Amino acid sequence: IAYNDITFIHNDIKKLRQLEILNIEGNQLSALPSGLLNLPLK
């Protein structure tokens, strides 16, 4: 979802249990949702 105008990602992203690749660069995020800590991101 790179290079959009996203300022916040809901913590429900933790439900994506198979997510391994996440690109969120170029948005207006100042911090990450804590739910990412539960994901198997590579």
PDB file of all heavy atoms in Angstrom:
ATOM      1  N   ILE A   1       0.846  -1.198   0.000  1.00  0.00           N
ATOM      2  CA  ILE A   1       0.000   0.000   0.000  1.00  0.00           C
ATOM      3  C   ILE A   1       0.883   1.251   0.000  1.00  0.00           C
ATOM      4  O   ILE A   1       0.492   2.300   0.501  1.00  0.00           O
ATOM      5  CB  ILE A   1      -0.942   0.010   1.216  1.00  0.00           C
ATOM      6  CG1 ILE A   1      -0.149  -0.157   2.520  1.00  0.00           C
ATOM      7  CG2 ILE A   1      -1.999  -1.073   1.098  1.00  0.00           C
ATOM      8  CD1 ILE A   1      -0.961   0.019   3.774  1.00  0.00           C
ATOM      9  N   ALA A   2       2.063   1.134  -0.579  1.00  0.00           N
ATOM     10  CA  ALA A   2       3.040   2.223  -0.552  1.00  0.00           C
ATOM     11  C   ALA A   2       2.530   3.456  -1.293  1.00  0.00           C
ATOM     12  O   ALA A   2       1.757   3.362  -2.239  1.00  0.00           O
ATOM     13  CB  ALA A   2       4.353   1.752  -1.175  1.00  0.00           C
ATOM     14  N   TYR A   3       2.978   4.618  -0.823  1.00  0.00           N
ATOM     15  CA  TYR A   3       2.712   5.906  -1.454  1.00  0.00           C
ATOM     16  C   TYR A   3       1.218   6.159  -1.667  1.00  0.00           C
ATOM     17  O   TYR A   3       0.730   6.320  -2.783  1.00  0.00           O
ATOM     18  CB  TYR A   3       3.505   6.026  -2.759  1.00  0.00           C
ATOM     19  CG  TYR A   3       4.981   6.085  -2.476  1.00  0.00           C
ATOM     20  CD1 TYR A   3       5.760   4.930  -2.539  1.00  0.00           C
ATOM     21  CD2 TYR A   3       5.588   7.265  -2.069  1.00  0.00           C
ATOM     22  CE1 TYR A   3       7.113   4.954  -2.216  1.00  0.00           C
ATOM     23  CE2 TYR A   3       6.947   7.309  -1.743  1.00  0.00           C
ATOM     24  CZ  TYR A   3       7.696   6.145  -1.817  1.00  0.00           C
ATOM     25  OH  TYR A   3       9.022   6.170  -1.487  1.00  0.00           O
ATOM     26  N   ASN A   4       0.511   6.172  -0.539  1.00  0.00           N
ATOM     27  CA  ASN A   4      -0.865   6.626  -0.457  1.00  0.00           C
ATOM     28  C   ASN A   4      -0.908   7.738   0.588  1.00  0.00           C
ATOM     29  O   ASN A   4       0.125   8.308   0.926  1.00  0.00           O
ATOM     30  CB  ASN A   4      -1.792   5.459  -0.109  1.00  0.00           C
ATOM     31  CG  ASN A   4      -2.121   4.592  -1.320  1.00  0.00           C
ATOM     32  OD1 ASN A   4      -2.976   4.919  -2.123  1.00  0.00           O
ATOM     33  ND2 ASN A   4      -1.407   3.463  -1.446  1.00  0.00           N
ATOM     34  N   ASP A   5      -2.077   8.037   1.124  1.00  0.00           N
ATOM     35  CA  ASP A   5      -2.215   9.079   2.142  1.00  0.00           C
ATOM     36  C   ASP A   5      -2.681   8.492   3.466  1.00  0.00           C
ATOM     37  O   ASP A   5      -3.462   9.109   4.206  1.00  0.00           O
ATOM     38  CB  ASP A   5      -3.199  10.157   1.669  1.00  0.00           C
ATOM     39  CG  ASP A   5      -2.683  10.914   0.467  1.00  0.00           C
ATOM     40  OD1 ASP A   5      -1.473  11.216   0.439  1.00  0.00           O
ATOM     41  OD2 ASP A   5      -3.473  11.197  -0.452  1.00  0.00           O
ATOM     42  N   ILE A   6      -2.230   7.308   3.797  1.00  0.00           N
ATOM     43  CA  ILE A   6      -2.679   6.593   4.985  1.00  0.00           C
ATOM     44  C   ILE A   6      -1.949   7.111   6.225  1.00  0.00           C
ATOM     45  O   ILE A   6      -0.719   7.168   6.253  1.00  0.00           O
ATOM     46  CB  ILE A   6      -2.446   5.083   4.809  1.00  0.00           C
ATOM     47  CG1 ILE A   6      -3.270   4.570   3.632  1.00  0.00           C
ATOM     48  CG2 ILE A   6      -2.799   4.316   6.074  1.00  0.00           C
ATOM     49  CD1 ILE A   6      -2.945   3.148   3.228  1.00  0.00           C
ATOM     50  N   THR A   7      -2.719   7.499   7.234  1.00  0.00           N
ATOM     51  CA  THR A   7      -2.142   8.016   8.476  1.00  0.00           C
ATOM     52  C   THR A   7      -2.210   7.005   9.625  1.00  0.00           C
ATOM     53  O   THR A   7      -1.539   7.179  10.634  1.00  0.00           O
ATOM     54  CB  THR A   7      -2.871   9.296   8.910  1.00  0.00           C
ATOM     55  OG1 THR A   7      -4.264   9.009   9.111  1.00  0.00           O
ATOM     56  CG2 THR A   7      -2.740  10.381   7.848  1.00  0.00           C
ATOM     57  N   PHE A   8      -3.036   5.966   9.461  1.00  0.00           N
ATOM     58  CA  PHE A   8      -3.252   5.021  10.561  1.00  0.00           C
ATOM     59  C   PHE A   8      -3.632   3.670   9.985  1.00  0.00           C
ATOM     60  O   PHE A   8      -4.409   3.588   9.038  1.00  0.00           O
ATOM     61  CB  PHE A   8      -4.360   5.541  11.484  1.00  0.00           C
ATOM     62  CG  PHE A   8      -4.719   4.605  12.604  1.00  0.00           C
ATOM     63  CD1 PHE A   8      -3.918   4.515  13.726  1.00  0.00           C
ATOM     64  CD2 PHE A   8      -5.856   3.818  12.537  1.00  0.00           C
ATOM     65  CE1 PHE A   8      -4.232   3.641  14.760  1.00  0.00           C
ATOM     66  CE2 PHE A   8      -6.192   2.948  13.567  1.00  0.00           C
ATOM     67  CZ  PHE A   8      -5.375   2.863  14.685  1.00  0.00           C
ATOM     68  N   ILE A   9      -3.071   2.612  10.540  1.00  0.00           N
ATOM     69  CA  ILE A   9      -3.438   1.249  10.169  1.00  0.00           C
ATOM     70  C   ILE A   9      -4.036   0.572  11.400  1.00  0.00           C
ATOM     71  O   ILE A   9      -3.421   0.534  12.462  1.00  0.00           O
ATOM     72  CB  ILE A   9      -2.219   0.453   9.672  1.00  0.00           C
ATOM     73  CG1 ILE A   9      -1.657   1.101   8.401  1.00  0.00           C
ATOM     74  CG2 ILE A   9      -2.603  -0.998   9.388  1.00  0.00           C
ATOM     75  CD1 ILE A   9      -0.410   0.411   7.878  1.00  0.00           C
ATOM     76  N   HIS A  10      -5.229   0.054  11.244  1.00  0.00           N
ATOM     77  CA  HIS A  10      -5.940  -0.548  12.376  1.00  0.00           C
ATOM     78  C   HIS A  10      -5.201  -1.784  12.883  1.00  0.00           C
ATOM     79  O   HIS A  10      -4.553  -2.511  12.120  1.00  0.00           O
ATOM     80  CB  HIS A  10      -7.363  -0.936  11.956  1.00  0.00           C
ATOM     81  CG  HIS A  10      -8.282  -1.151  13.114  1.00  0.00           C
ATOM     82  ND1 HIS A  10      -8.322  -2.332  13.824  1.00  0.00           N
ATOM     83  CD2 HIS A  10      -9.178  -0.319  13.709  1.00  0.00           C
ATOM     84  CE1 HIS A  10      -9.215  -2.234  14.792  1.00  0.00           C
ATOM     85  NE2 HIS A  10      -9.755  -1.021  14.754  1.00  0.00           N
ATOM     86  N   ASN A  11      -5.311  -2.000  14.157  1.00  0.00           N
ATOM     87  CA  ASN A  11      -4.628  -3.125  14.791  1.00  0.00           C
ATOM     88  C   ASN A  11      -5.156  -4.481  14.318  1.00  0.00           C
ATOM     89  O   ASN A  11      -4.532  -5.512  14.558  1.00  0.00           O
ATOM     90  CB  ASN A  11      -4.753  -3.028  16.316  1.00  0.00           C
ATOM     91  CG  ASN A  11      -3.596  -3.689  17.031  1.00  0.00           C
ATOM     92  OD1 ASN A  11      -2.490  -3.712  16.521  1.00  0.00           O
ATOM     93  ND2 ASN A  11      -3.848  -4.243  18.200  1.00  0.00           N
ATOM     94  N   ASP A  12      -6.296  -4.491  13.625  1.00  0.00           N
ATOM     95  CA  ASP A  12      -6.837  -5.745  13.098  1.00  0.00           C
ATOM     96  C   ASP A  12      -5.953  -6.356  12.024  1.00  0.00           C
ATOM     97  O   ASP A  12      -6.213  -7.480  11.576  1.00  0.00           O
ATOM     98  CB  ASP A  12      -8.246  -5.520  12.535  1.00  0.00           C
ATOM     99  CG  ASP A  12      -9.299  -5.473  13.626  1.00  0.00           C
ATOM    100  OD1 ASP A  12      -8.976  -5.812  14.774  1.00  0.00           O
ATOM    101  OD2 ASP A  12     -10.454  -5.091  13.345  1.00  0.00           O
ATOM    102  N   ILE A  13      -4.911  -5.640  11.622  1.00  0.00           N
ATOM    103  CA  ILE A  13      -3.978  -6.225  10.659  1.00  0.00           C
ATOM    104  C   ILE A  13      -3.353  -7.499  11.224  1.00  0.00           C
ATOM    105  O   ILE A  13      -2.853  -8.346  10.471  1.00  0.00           O
ATOM    106  CB  ILE A  13      -2.880  -5.200  10.276  1.00  0.00           C
ATOM    107  CG1 ILE A  13      -2.138  -5.660   9.014  1.00  0.00           C
ATOM    108  CG2 ILE A  13      -1.931  -4.957  11.434  1.00  0.00           C
ATOM    109  CD1 ILE A  13      -1.161  -4.655   8.466  1.00  0.00           C
ATOM    110  N   LYS A  14      -3.428  -7.668  12.535  1.00  0.00           N
ATOM    111  CA  LYS A  14      -2.891  -8.877  13.168  1.00  0.00           C
ATOM    112  C   LYS A  14      -3.648 -10.134  12.736  1.00  0.00           C
ATOM    113  O   LYS A  14      -3.178 -11.256  12.934  1.00  0.00           O
ATOM    114  CB  LYS A  14      -2.933  -8.753  14.686  1.00  0.00           C
ATOM    115  CG  LYS A  14      -4.339  -8.643  15.259  1.00  0.00           C
ATOM    116  CD  LYS A  14      -4.310  -8.398  16.755  1.00  0.00           C
ATOM    117  CE  LYS A  14      -5.712  -8.219  17.321  1.00  0.00           C
ATOM    118  NZ  LYS A  14      -5.678  -7.935  18.787  1.00  0.00           N
ATOM    119  N   LYS A  15      -4.839  -9.955  12.122  1.00  0.00           N
ATOM    120  CA  LYS A  15      -5.618 -11.099  11.650  1.00  0.00           C
ATOM    121  C   LYS A  15      -5.035 -11.720  10.388  1.00  0.00           C
ATOM    122  O   LYS A  15      -5.405 -12.839  10.022  1.00  0.00           O
ATOM    123  CB  LYS A  15      -7.059 -10.674  11.399  1.00  0.00           C
ATOM    124  CG  LYS A  15      -7.808 -10.210  12.641  1.00  0.00           C
ATOM    125  CD  LYS A  15      -9.215  -9.760  12.298  1.00  0.00           C
ATOM    126  CE  LYS A  15      -9.956  -9.268  13.532  1.00  0.00           C
ATOM    127  NZ  LYS A  15     -11.330  -8.793  13.200  1.00  0.00           N
ATOM    128  N   LEU A  16      -4.151 -10.999   9.700  1.00  0.00           N
ATOM    129  CA  LEU A  16      -3.540 -11.516   8.469  1.00  0.00           C
ATOM    130  C   LEU A  16      -2.390 -12.458   8.835  1.00  0.00           C
ATOM    131  O   LEU A  16      -1.215 -12.129   8.681  1.00  0.00           O
ATOM    132  CB  LEU A  16      -3.044 -10.361   7.598  1.00  0.00           C
ATOM    133  CG  LEU A  16      -4.113  -9.358   7.149  1.00  0.00           C
ATOM    134  CD1 LEU A  16      -3.484  -8.241   6.339  1.00  0.00           C
ATOM    135  CD2 LEU A  16      -5.200 -10.054   6.339  1.00  0.00           C
ATOM    136  N   ARG A  17      -2.729 -13.626   9.296  1.00  0.00           N
ATOM    137  CA  ARG A  17      -1.756 -14.559   9.875  1.00  0.00           C
ATOM    138  C   ARG A  17      -0.747 -15.093   8.866  1.00  0.00           C
ATOM    139  O   ARG A  17       0.305 -15.607   9.253  1.00  0.00           O
ATOM    140  CB  ARG A  17      -2.497 -15.736  10.518  1.00  0.00           C
ATOM    141  CG  ARG A  17      -3.364 -15.337  11.714  1.00  0.00           C
ATOM    142  CD  ARG A  17      -2.501 -14.892  12.870  1.00  0.00           C
ATOM    143  NE  ARG A  17      -3.280 -14.622  14.070  1.00  0.00           N
ATOM    144  CZ  ARG A  17      -2.765 -14.196  15.209  1.00  0.00           C
ATOM    145  NH1 ARG A  17      -1.460 -14.004  15.302  1.00  0.00           N
ATOM    146  NH2 ARG A  17      -3.525 -13.955  16.256  1.00  0.00           N
ATOM    147  N   GLN A  18      -1.034 -14.981   7.562  1.00  0.00           N
ATOM    148  CA  GLN A  18      -0.126 -15.484   6.544  1.00  0.00           C
ATOM    149  C   GLN A  18       0.766 -14.390   5.961  1.00  0.00           C
ATOM    150  O   GLN A  18       1.604 -14.667   5.100  1.00  0.00           O
ATOM    151  CB  GLN A  18      -0.934 -16.129   5.400  1.00  0.00           C
ATOM    152  CG  GLN A  18      -1.869 -17.248   5.823  1.00  0.00           C
ATOM    153  CD  GLN A  18      -1.132 -18.407   6.455  1.00  0.00           C
ATOM    154  OE1 GLN A  18      -0.061 -18.797   5.980  1.00  0.00           O
ATOM    155  NE2 GLN A  18      -1.696 -18.975   7.511  1.00  0.00           N
ATOM    156  N   LEU A  19       0.612 -13.147   6.416  1.00  0.00           N
ATOM    157  CA  LEU A  19       1.309 -12.022   5.803  1.00  0.00           C
ATOM    158  C   LEU A  19       2.818 -12.094   6.043  1.00  0.00           C
ATOM    159  O   LEU A  19       3.269 -12.122   7.180  1.00  0.00           O
ATOM    160  CB  LEU A  19       0.755 -10.706   6.347  1.00  0.00           C
ATOM    161  CG  LEU A  19       1.126  -9.440   5.568  1.00  0.00           C
ATOM    162  CD1 LEU A  19       0.518  -9.474   4.171  1.00  0.00           C
ATOM    163  CD2 LEU A  19       0.675  -8.196   6.304  1.00  0.00           C
ATOM    164  N   GLU A  20       3.582 -12.106   4.965  1.00  0.00           N
ATOM    165  CA  GLU A  20       5.034 -12.178   5.050  1.00  0.00           C
ATOM    166  C   GLU A  20       5.712 -10.942   4.469  1.00  0.00           C
ATOM    167  O   GLU A  20       6.827 -10.607   4.871  1.00  0.00           O
ATOM    168  CB  GLU A  20       5.543 -13.426   4.314  1.00  0.00           C
ATOM    169  CG  GLU A  20       5.074 -14.740   4.932  1.00  0.00           C
ATOM    170  CD  GLU A  20       5.644 -15.947   4.209  1.00  0.00           C
ATOM    171  OE1 GLU A  20       6.212 -15.765   3.101  1.00  0.00           O
ATOM    172  OE2 GLU A  20       5.517 -17.062   4.739  1.00  0.00           O
ATOM    173  N   ILE A  21       5.058 -10.267   3.521  1.00  0.00           N
ATOM    174  CA  ILE A  21       5.641  -9.093   2.864  1.00  0.00           C
ATOM    175  C   ILE A  21       4.685  -7.913   3.020  1.00  0.00           C
ATOM    176  O   ILE A  21       3.521  -8.008   2.653  1.00  0.00           O
ATOM    177  CB  ILE A  21       5.899  -9.364   1.370  1.00  0.00           C
ATOM    178  CG1 ILE A  21       6.890 -10.517   1.207  1.00  0.00           C
ATOM    179  CG2 ILE A  21       6.414  -8.108   0.669  1.00  0.00           C
ATOM    180  CD1 ILE A  21       7.091 -10.944  -0.235  1.00  0.00           C
ATOM    181  N   LEU A  22       5.189  -6.816   3.583  1.00  0.00           N
ATOM    182  CA  LEU A  22       4.372  -5.630   3.797  1.00  0.00           C
ATOM    183  C   LEU A  22       5.164  -4.395   3.391  1.00  0.00           C
ATOM    184  O   LEU A  22       6.236  -4.133   3.919  1.00  0.00           O
ATOM    185  CB  LEU A  22       3.941  -5.525   5.262  1.00  0.00           C
ATOM    186  CG  LEU A  22       3.128  -4.276   5.649  1.00  0.00           C
ATOM    187  CD1 LEU A  22       1.816  -4.227   4.889  1.00  0.00           C
ATOM    188  CD2 LEU A  22       2.879  -4.235   7.150  1.00  0.00           C
ATOM    189  N   ASN A  23       4.604  -3.633   2.457  1.00  0.00           N
ATOM    190  CA  ASN A  23       5.228  -2.390   2.013  1.00  0.00           C
ATOM    191  C   ASN A  23       4.287  -1.240   2.339  1.00  0.00           C
ATOM    192  O   ASN A  23       3.207  -1.122   1.745  1.00  0.00           O
ATOM    193  CB  ASN A  23       5.510  -2.437   0.506  1.00  0.00           C
ATOM    194  CG  ASN A  23       6.317  -1.227   0.044  1.00  0.00           C
ATOM    195  OD1 ASN A  23       6.547  -0.280   0.792  1.00  0.00           O
ATOM    196  ND2 ASN A  23       6.732  -1.244  -1.209  1.00  0.00           N
ATOM    197  N   ILE A  24       4.672  -0.394   3.301  1.00  0.00           N
ATOM    198  CA  ILE A  24       3.838   0.744   3.701  1.00  0.00           C
ATOM    199  C   ILE A  24       4.617   2.053   3.583  1.00  0.00           C
ATOM    200  O   ILE A  24       4.235   3.064   4.178  1.00  0.00           O
ATOM    201  CB  ILE A  24       3.324   0.569   5.145  1.00  0.00           C
ATOM    202  CG1 ILE A  24       4.481   0.330   6.117  1.00  0.00           C
ATOM    203  CG2 ILE A  24       2.321  -0.564   5.225  1.00  0.00           C
ATOM    204  CD1 ILE A  24       4.064   0.202   7.561  1.00  0.00           C
ATOM    205  N   GLU A  25       5.703   2.053   2.830  1.00  0.00           N
ATOM    206  CA  GLU A  25       6.514   3.263   2.714  1.00  0.00           C
ATOM    207  C   GLU A  25       5.751   4.358   1.965  1.00  0.00           C
ATOM    208  O   GLU A  25       4.791   4.110   1.240  1.00  0.00           O
ATOM    209  CB  GLU A  25       7.828   2.964   2.003  1.00  0.00           C
ATOM    210  CG  GLU A  25       7.709   2.631   0.530  1.00  0.00           C
ATOM    211  CD  GLU A  25       9.065   2.507  -0.141  1.00  0.00           C
ATOM    212  OE1 GLU A  25      10.006   3.175   0.309  1.00  0.00           O
ATOM    213  OE2 GLU A  25       9.172   1.737  -1.097  1.00  0.00           O
ATOM    214  N   GLY A  26       6.185   5.608   2.187  1.00  0.00           N
ATOM    215  CA  GLY A  26       5.596   6.718   1.472  1.00  0.00           C
ATOM    216  C   GLY A  26       4.209   7.099   1.937  1.00  0.00           C
ATOM    217  O   GLY A  26       3.457   7.739   1.196  1.00  0.00           O
ATOM    218  N   ASN A  27       3.824   6.720   3.155  1.00  0.00           N
ATOM    219  CA  ASN A  27       2.546   7.129   3.727  1.00  0.00           C
ATOM    220  C   ASN A  27       2.799   8.119   4.866  1.00  0.00           C
ATOM    221  O   ASN A  27       3.933   8.501   5.133  1.00  0.00           O
ATOM    222  CB  ASN A  27       1.764   5.906   4.219  1.00  0.00           C
ATOM    223  CG  ASN A  27       1.070   5.170   3.086  1.00  0.00           C
ATOM    224  OD1 ASN A  27       0.057   5.618   2.570  1.00  0.00           O
ATOM    225  ND2 ASN A  27       1.636   4.032   2.682  1.00  0.00           N
ATOM    226  N   GLN A  28       1.735   8.524   5.546  1.00  0.00           N
ATOM    227  CA  GLN A  28       1.864   9.519   6.605  1.00  0.00           C
ATOM    228  C   GLN A  28       1.824   8.864   7.990  1.00  0.00           C
ATOM    229  O   GLN A  28       1.312   9.445   8.945  1.00  0.00           O
ATOM    230  CB  GLN A  28       0.752  10.563   6.464  1.00  0.00           C
ATOM    231  CG  GLN A  28       0.811  11.314   5.144  1.00  0.00           C
ATOM    232  CD  GLN A  28      -0.210  12.424   5.058  1.00  0.00           C
ATOM    233  OE1 GLN A  28      -0.418  13.163   6.015  1.00  0.00           O
ATOM    234  NE2 GLN A  28      -0.846  12.548   3.914  1.00  0.00           N
ATOM    235  N   LEU A  29       2.373   7.689   8.087  1.00  0.00           N
ATOM    236  CA  LEU A  29       2.384   6.954   9.352  1.00  0.00           C
ATOM    237  C   LEU A  29       3.493   7.466  10.256  1.00  0.00           C
ATOM    238  O   LEU A  29       4.625   7.659   9.823  1.00  0.00           O
ATOM    239  CB  LEU A  29       2.590   5.468   9.083  1.00  0.00           C
ATOM    240  CG  LEU A  29       1.503   4.766   8.263  1.00  0.00           C
ATOM    241  CD1 LEU A  29       1.991   3.415   7.802  1.00  0.00           C
ATOM    242  CD2 LEU A  29       0.239   4.625   9.088  1.00  0.00           C
ATOM    243  N   SER A  30       3.170   7.666  11.527  1.00  0.00           N
ATOM    244  CA  SER A  30       4.175   8.081  12.498  1.00  0.00           C
ATOM    245  C   SER A  30       4.556   6.939  13.442  1.00  0.00           C
ATOM    246  O   SER A  30       5.534   7.037  14.180  1.00  0.00           O
ATOM    247  CB  SER A  30       3.673   9.280  13.306  1.00  0.00           C
ATOM    248  OG  SER A  30       2.404   9.012  13.853  1.00  0.00           O
ATOM    249  N   ALA A  31       3.775   5.861  13.429  1.00  0.00           N
ATOM    250  CA  ALA A  31       4.083   4.659  14.212  1.00  0.00           C
ATOM    251  C   ALA A  31       3.333   3.497  13.583  1.00  0.00           C
ATOM    252  O   ALA A  31       2.449   3.693  12.740  1.00  0.00           O
ATOM    253  CB  ALA A  31       3.703   4.832  15.681  1.00  0.00           C
ATOM    254  N   LEU A  32       3.667   2.300  14.003  1.00  0.00           N
ATOM    255  CA  LEU A  32       3.086   1.091  13.435  1.00  0.00           C
ATOM    256  C   LEU A  32       2.066   0.483  14.391  1.00  0.00           C
ATOM    257  O   LEU A  32       2.172   0.643  15.613  1.00  0.00           O
ATOM    258  CB  LEU A  32       4.191   0.071  13.152  1.00  0.00           C
ATOM    259  CG  LEU A  32       5.326   0.557  12.248  1.00  0.00           C
ATOM    260  CD1 LEU A  32       6.428  -0.505  12.191  1.00  0.00           C
ATOM    261  CD2 LEU A  32       4.807   0.865  10.861  1.00  0.00           C
ATOM    262  N   PRO A  33       1.071  -0.233  13.868  1.00  0.00           N
ATOM    263  CA  PRO A  33       0.117  -0.908  14.768  1.00  0.00           C
ATOM    264  C   PRO A  33       0.795  -2.041  15.506  1.00  0.00           C
ATOM    265  O   PRO A  33       1.612  -2.779  14.932  1.00  0.00           O
ATOM    266  CB  PRO A  33      -0.961  -1.425  13.799  1.00  0.00           C
ATOM    267  CG  PRO A  33      -0.258  -1.568  12.491  1.00  0.00           C
ATOM    268  CD  PRO A  33       0.754  -0.463  12.446  1.00  0.00           C
ATOM    269  N   SER A  34       0.481  -2.184  16.772  1.00  0.00           N
ATOM    270  CA  SER A  34       1.128  -3.220  17.578  1.00  0.00           C
ATOM    271  C   SER A  34       0.825  -4.620  17.069  1.00  0.00           C
ATOM    272  O   SER A  34       1.570  -5.555  17.352  1.00  0.00           O
ATOM    273  CB  SER A  34       0.689  -3.086  19.036  1.00  0.00           C
ATOM    274  OG  SER A  34      -0.725  -3.224  19.161  1.00  0.00           O
ATOM    275  N   GLY A  35      -0.273  -4.769  16.315  1.00  0.00           N
ATOM    276  CA  GLY A  35      -0.629  -6.083  15.781  1.00  0.00           C
ATOM    277  C   GLY A  35       0.418  -6.668  14.861  1.00  0.00           C
ATOM    278  O   GLY A  35       0.480  -7.893  14.673  1.00  0.00           O
ATOM    279  N   LEU A  36       1.285  -5.824  14.291  1.00  0.00           N
ATOM    280  CA  LEU A  36       2.347  -6.330  13.418  1.00  0.00           C
ATOM    281  C   LEU A  36       3.301  -7.252  14.171  1.00  0.00           C
ATOM    282  O   LEU A  36       3.936  -8.127  13.577  1.00  0.00           O
ATOM    283  CB  LEU A  36       3.141  -5.166  12.816  1.00  0.00           C
ATOM    284  CG  LEU A  36       2.490  -4.333  11.718  1.00  0.00           C
ATOM    285  CD1 LEU A  36       3.488  -3.336  11.165  1.00  0.00           C
ATOM    286  CD2 LEU A  36       1.954  -5.212  10.595  1.00  0.00           C
ATOM    287  N   LEU A  37       3.411  -7.046  15.477  1.00  0.00           N
ATOM    288  CA  LEU A  37       4.329  -7.857  16.278  1.00  0.00           C
ATOM    289  C   LEU A  37       3.905  -9.322  16.331  1.00  0.00           C
ATOM    290  O   LEU A  37       4.699 -10.188  16.708  1.00  0.00           O
ATOM    291  CB  LEU A  37       4.421  -7.290  17.697  1.00  0.00           C
ATOM    292  CG  LEU A  37       5.039  -5.890  17.813  1.00  0.00           C
ATOM    293  CD1 LEU A  37       4.798  -5.312  19.200  1.00  0.00           C
ATOM    294  CD2 LEU A  37       6.528  -5.945  17.505  1.00  0.00           C
ATOM    295  N   ASN A  38       2.656  -9.595  15.962  1.00  0.00           N
ATOM    296  CA  ASN A  38       2.146 -10.966  15.986  1.00  0.00           C
ATOM    297  C   ASN A  38       2.231 -11.659  14.633  1.00  0.00           C
ATOM    298  O   ASN A  38       1.790 -12.801  14.501  1.00  0.00           O
ATOM    299  CB  ASN A  38       0.677 -10.965  16.447  1.00  0.00           C
ATOM    300  CG  ASN A  38       0.494 -10.392  17.832  1.00  0.00           C
ATOM    301  OD1 ASN A  38       1.318 -10.631  18.704  1.00  0.00           O
ATOM    302  ND2 ASN A  38      -0.565  -9.640  18.040  1.00  0.00           N
ATOM    303  N   LEU A  39       2.777 -10.968  13.618  1.00  0.00           N
ATOM    304  CA  LEU A  39       2.778 -11.508  12.266  1.00  0.00           C
ATOM    305  C   LEU A  39       4.147 -12.082  11.892  1.00  0.00           C
ATOM    306  O   LEU A  39       5.181 -11.618  12.374  1.00  0.00           O
ATOM    307  CB  LEU A  39       2.388 -10.414  11.271  1.00  0.00           C
ATOM    308  CG  LEU A  39       0.984  -9.826  11.442  1.00  0.00           C
ATOM    309  CD1 LEU A  39       0.715  -8.785  10.366  1.00  0.00           C
ATOM    310  CD2 LEU A  39      -0.068 -10.922  11.381  1.00  0.00           C
ATOM    311  N   PRO A  40       4.160 -13.059  10.975  1.00  0.00           N
ATOM    312  CA  PRO A  40       5.431 -13.694  10.554  1.00  0.00           C
ATOM    313  C   PRO A  40       6.098 -12.920   9.417  1.00  0.00           C
ATOM    314  O   PRO A  40       6.500 -13.511   8.413  1.00  0.00           O
ATOM    315  CB  PRO A  40       4.963 -15.080  10.096  1.00  0.00           C
ATOM    316  CG  PRO A  40       3.593 -14.831   9.531  1.00  0.00           C
ATOM    317  CD  PRO A  40       2.985 -13.754  10.406  1.00  0.00           C
ATOM    318  N   LEU A  41       6.234 -11.601   9.554  1.00  0.00           N
ATOM    319  CA  LEU A  41       6.786 -10.784   8.481  1.00  0.00           C
ATOM    320  C   LEU A  41       8.245 -11.133   8.207  1.00  0.00           C
ATOM    321  O   LEU A  41       9.059 -11.224   9.125  1.00  0.00           O
ATOM    322  CB  LEU A  41       6.683  -9.301   8.830  1.00  0.00           C
ATOM    323  CG  LEU A  41       5.292  -8.666   8.804  1.00  0.00           C
ATOM    324  CD1 LEU A  41       5.397  -7.178   9.119  1.00  0.00           C
ATOM    325  CD2 LEU A  41       4.609  -8.861   7.460  1.00  0.00           C
ATOM    326  N   LYS A  42       8.568 -11.269   6.932  1.00  0.00           N
ATOM    327  CA  LYS A  42       9.938 -11.495   6.490  1.00  0.00           C
ATOM    328  C   LYS A  42      10.495 -10.272   5.778  1.00  0.00           C
ATOM    329  O   LYS A  42      11.720 -10.153   5.611  1.00  0.00           O
ATOM    330  CB  LYS A  42       9.993 -12.708   5.561  1.00  0.00           C
ATOM    331  CG  LYS A  42       9.590 -14.016   6.221  1.00  0.00           C
ATOM    332  CD  LYS A  42       9.655 -15.171   5.225  1.00  0.00           C
ATOM    333  CE  LYS A  42       9.246 -16.489   5.885  1.00  0.00           C
ATOM    334  NZ  LYS A  42       9.274 -17.610   4.907  1.00  0.00           N
TER     335      LYS A  42
END
